[in-house]
Amino acid sequence: MAFLSFIVKDGRAVLYPVYKGTFERRHEIPVYDTHQYTEYLIQVVKDFKRCIDYLETRPDIDSKKLAYYGLSWGGRLGATILAIAERLEASVLVVGGMRGRGRPEVNPVNYVTRVKTPTLMLNGKYDMTFYYETNVKPMFDLLGTPDEHKELKLYETDHFIPRNELIKETLAWLDRYLGPVK
């Protein structure tokens, strides 16, 4: 929660989905190149879309100003979720990247060019999970988001971004695309 608390302290609401395969819904995630993984990823995307549906029912939430915040695995899913979920105004992908593997229907390379959401990527230059040259830069370059609405910030770190930079850049991006908190 330390990676989200600063967003709440800034006055924004946060919804934290418990996707199939995570937390109390934990089960073994199937191998990437199987039909079982395809079904699993479909369920994850459905979970996300249901979260957006729920937010749209809340009178205390401005459902016209929603953002996606993905950290690590969530940043990896960003290429797929952002291409499918049209109701988002901004996204921040932290230490994520694209791994072009799996069946064509779940391979992120087949989705990333359809992403039009303004996207900020915050990554570590020495990340051993998402390598800059093979996972991060290709994802950023292939994003279908117009150049003036996407940004990649690279830090002299590994799979963690300095907290002060994470907070500063994320809040500035959300203010830019969702408007400042009133």
Protein backbone atom coordinates (compact mmCIF):
# COMPACT_ATOMS: atom_id res chain seq x y z
CA MET A 1 0.00 0.00 0.00
CA ALA A 2 3.01 2.32 0.37
CA PHE A 3 2.99 2.66 -3.41
CA LEU A 4 -0.60 4.00 -3.31
CA SER A 5 -0.93 5.91 -0.04
CA PHE A 6 0.49 9.13 -1.51
CA ILE A 7 -2.32 9.19 -4.10
CA VAL A 8 -4.95 9.00 -1.35
CA LYS A 9 -3.13 11.61 0.73
CA ASP A 10 -3.27 13.88 -2.31
CA GLY A 11 -7.07 13.65 -2.19
CA ARG A 12 -7.76 11.10 -4.91
CA ALA A 13 -9.72 7.88 -4.51
CA VAL A 14 -7.96 4.58 -5.19
CA LEU A 15 -9.54 1.27 -6.14
CA TYR A 16 -7.22 -1.71 -5.71
CA PRO A 17 -8.54 -4.68 -7.70
CA VAL A 18 -8.01 -8.18 -6.35
CA TYR A 19 -7.62 -9.94 -9.66
CA LYS A 20 -8.14 -13.63 -10.15
CA GLY A 21 -4.87 -15.29 -9.14
CA THR A 22 -3.92 -12.64 -6.54
CA PHE A 23 -4.30 -12.38 -2.76
CA GLU A 24 -7.24 -14.45 -1.48
CA ARG A 25 -8.10 -15.38 -5.07
CA ARG A 26 -4.66 -16.95 -5.48
CA HIS A 27 -4.15 -19.96 -7.70
CA GLU A 28 -1.36 -21.07 -9.96
CA ILE A 29 -1.09 -18.80 -12.99
CA PRO A 30 -0.97 -20.90 -16.19
CA VAL A 31 2.00 -20.99 -18.57
CA TYR A 32 1.95 -18.08 -21.07
CA ASP A 33 1.60 -20.04 -24.31
CA THR A 34 -1.45 -22.08 -23.27
CA HIS A 35 -5.18 -21.71 -23.77
CA GLN A 36 -5.47 -21.71 -19.96
CA TYR A 37 -3.39 -18.53 -19.78
CA THR A 38 -5.59 -16.92 -22.43
CA GLU A 39 -8.65 -17.70 -20.30
CA TYR A 40 -6.86 -16.41 -17.21
CA LEU A 41 -5.93 -13.07 -18.82
CA ILE A 42 -9.48 -12.65 -20.13
CA GLN A 43 -10.68 -13.04 -16.53
CA VAL A 44 -8.17 -10.44 -15.28
CA VAL A 45 -9.34 -7.92 -17.89
CA LYS A 46 -12.98 -8.68 -17.00
CA ASP A 47 -12.14 -8.08 -13.33
CA PHE A 48 -10.66 -4.69 -14.24
CA LYS A 49 -13.64 -3.69 -16.39
CA ARG A 50 -16.04 -4.66 -13.59
CA CYS A 51 -14.09 -2.37 -11.27
CA ILE A 52 -14.65 0.51 -13.69
CA ASP A 53 -18.35 -0.44 -13.93
CA TYR A 54 -18.55 -0.25 -10.14
CA LEU A 55 -16.85 3.15 -10.00
CA GLU A 56 -19.39 4.47 -12.49
CA THR A 57 -22.19 3.66 -10.00
CA ARG A 58 -20.60 5.74 -7.24
CA PRO A 59 -21.93 9.32 -6.96
CA ASP A 60 -18.77 10.34 -5.06
CA ILE A 61 -16.47 9.32 -7.95
CA ASP A 62 -16.01 11.34 -11.13
CA SER A 63 -16.00 8.42 -13.56
CA LYS A 64 -14.89 10.74 -16.36
CA LYS A 65 -11.52 11.18 -14.61
CA LEU A 66 -10.14 7.69 -14.10
CA ALA A 67 -6.52 6.61 -14.37
CA TYR A 68 -4.73 3.27 -14.43
CA TYR A 69 -1.75 2.85 -12.10
CA GLY A 70 0.20 -0.34 -12.69
CA LEU A 71 3.21 -1.40 -10.66
CA SER A 72 5.51 -4.19 -11.91
CA TRP A 73 3.06 -6.93 -13.01
CA GLY A 74 0.40 -4.21 -13.26
CA GLY A 75 2.76 -2.23 -15.48
CA ARG A 76 3.22 -5.28 -17.67
CA LEU A 77 -0.55 -5.70 -17.96
CA GLY A 78 -0.85 -2.05 -18.96
CA ALA A 79 -0.30 -2.77 -22.66
CA THR A 80 -3.32 -5.08 -22.70
CA ILE A 81 -5.67 -3.41 -20.22
CA LEU A 82 -5.17 0.09 -21.63
CA ALA A 83 -5.91 -1.12 -25.16
CA ILE A 84 -9.20 -2.67 -24.05
CA ALA A 85 -10.42 -0.27 -21.33
CA GLU A 86 -11.55 2.86 -23.17
CA ARG A 87 -12.79 4.69 -20.06
CA LEU A 88 -9.40 5.85 -18.77
CA GLU A 89 -8.01 9.34 -19.09
CA ALA A 90 -4.44 8.66 -17.96
CA SER A 91 -2.07 5.90 -16.94
CA VAL A 92 1.11 5.54 -14.93
CA LEU A 93 3.16 2.38 -15.43
CA VAL A 94 5.81 1.90 -12.76
CA VAL A 95 8.68 -0.56 -13.31
CA GLY A 96 6.68 -2.39 -15.94
CA GLY A 97 7.39 -3.36 -19.48
CA MET A 98 6.28 -5.54 -22.33
CA ARG A 99 7.22 -9.14 -22.77
CA GLY A 100 6.19 -10.32 -26.21
CA ARG A 101 5.24 -13.87 -25.48
CA GLY A 102 2.20 -16.03 -25.34
CA ARG A 103 -0.49 -16.92 -27.81
CA PRO A 104 -1.37 -14.12 -30.28
CA GLU A 105 -4.62 -13.31 -28.48
CA VAL A 106 -2.73 -12.44 -25.26
CA ASN A 107 0.62 -11.27 -26.61
CA PRO A 108 0.99 -7.60 -25.53
CA VAL A 109 2.66 -6.69 -28.83
CA ASN A 110 -0.78 -7.15 -30.43
CA TYR A 111 -2.34 -4.60 -28.05
CA VAL A 112 0.24 -1.92 -27.28
CA THR A 113 -0.18 -0.02 -30.55
CA ARG A 114 -3.91 0.39 -29.76
CA VAL A 115 -3.19 2.19 -26.49
CA LYS A 116 -4.17 5.85 -26.88
CA THR A 117 -4.27 6.77 -23.19
CA PRO A 118 -1.75 9.41 -22.03
CA THR A 119 0.92 7.25 -20.40
CA LEU A 120 3.80 7.94 -18.06
CA MET A 121 6.35 5.14 -17.62
CA LEU A 122 8.77 5.21 -14.67
CA ASN A 123 11.52 2.60 -14.94
CA GLY A 124 14.89 1.65 -13.53
CA LYS A 125 17.84 1.51 -15.89
CA TYR A 126 19.18 -1.62 -14.16
CA ASP A 127 15.91 -3.49 -13.69
CA MET A 128 16.47 -7.25 -13.94
CA THR A 129 12.73 -7.97 -14.30
CA PHE A 130 11.98 -5.61 -17.18
CA TYR A 131 15.16 -4.90 -19.13
CA TYR A 132 15.29 -1.43 -20.65
CA GLU A 133 16.40 -2.46 -24.15
CA THR A 134 14.14 -5.51 -24.59
CA ASN A 135 11.05 -4.80 -22.45
CA VAL A 136 10.73 -1.10 -21.54
CA LYS A 137 11.90 0.81 -24.62
CA PRO A 138 9.97 -1.40 -27.09
CA MET A 139 6.77 -0.95 -25.07
CA PHE A 140 7.22 2.82 -24.92
CA ASP A 141 8.11 3.08 -28.61
CA LEU A 142 5.12 0.95 -29.68
CA LEU A 143 2.53 2.72 -27.52
CA GLY A 144 -0.13 4.12 -29.84
CA THR A 145 -0.39 7.18 -27.61
CA PRO A 146 0.62 10.36 -29.46
CA ASP A 147 4.20 11.36 -28.62
CA GLU A 148 3.14 14.54 -26.81
CA HIS A 149 1.03 12.45 -24.40
CA LYS A 150 3.53 9.78 -23.44
CA GLU A 151 6.69 10.04 -21.40
CA LEU A 152 9.38 7.62 -20.20
CA LYS A 153 11.48 8.53 -17.17
CA LEU A 154 14.49 6.30 -16.59
CA TYR A 155 16.25 6.23 -13.22
CA GLU A 156 19.67 4.96 -12.13
CA THR A 157 17.97 2.19 -10.13
CA ASP A 158 16.71 -1.36 -10.43
CA HIS A 159 13.09 -2.53 -9.95
CA PHE A 160 12.29 0.35 -7.58
CA ILE A 161 11.89 4.06 -8.27
CA PRO A 162 13.05 6.60 -5.64
CA ARG A 163 9.92 7.37 -3.62
CA ASN A 164 10.21 11.14 -3.94
CA GLU A 165 10.43 10.82 -7.74
CA LEU A 166 7.56 8.33 -7.85
CA ILE A 167 5.33 10.69 -5.88
CA LYS A 168 6.34 13.87 -7.72
CA GLU A 169 6.01 12.45 -11.24
CA THR A 170 2.83 10.46 -10.62
CA LEU A 171 0.94 13.33 -8.99
CA ALA A 172 2.08 15.79 -11.67
CA TRP A 173 0.89 13.40 -14.40
CA LEU A 174 -2.49 12.88 -12.72
CA ASP A 175 -2.91 16.64 -12.25
CA ARG A 176 -2.04 17.20 -15.90
CA TYR A 177 -4.56 14.71 -17.30
CA LEU A 178 -7.26 14.53 -14.63
CA GLY A 179 -6.98 18.06 -13.29
CA PRO A 180 -5.78 19.06 -9.84
CA VAL A 181 -7.62 17.79 -6.77
CA LYS A 182 -10.16 20.30 -5.48
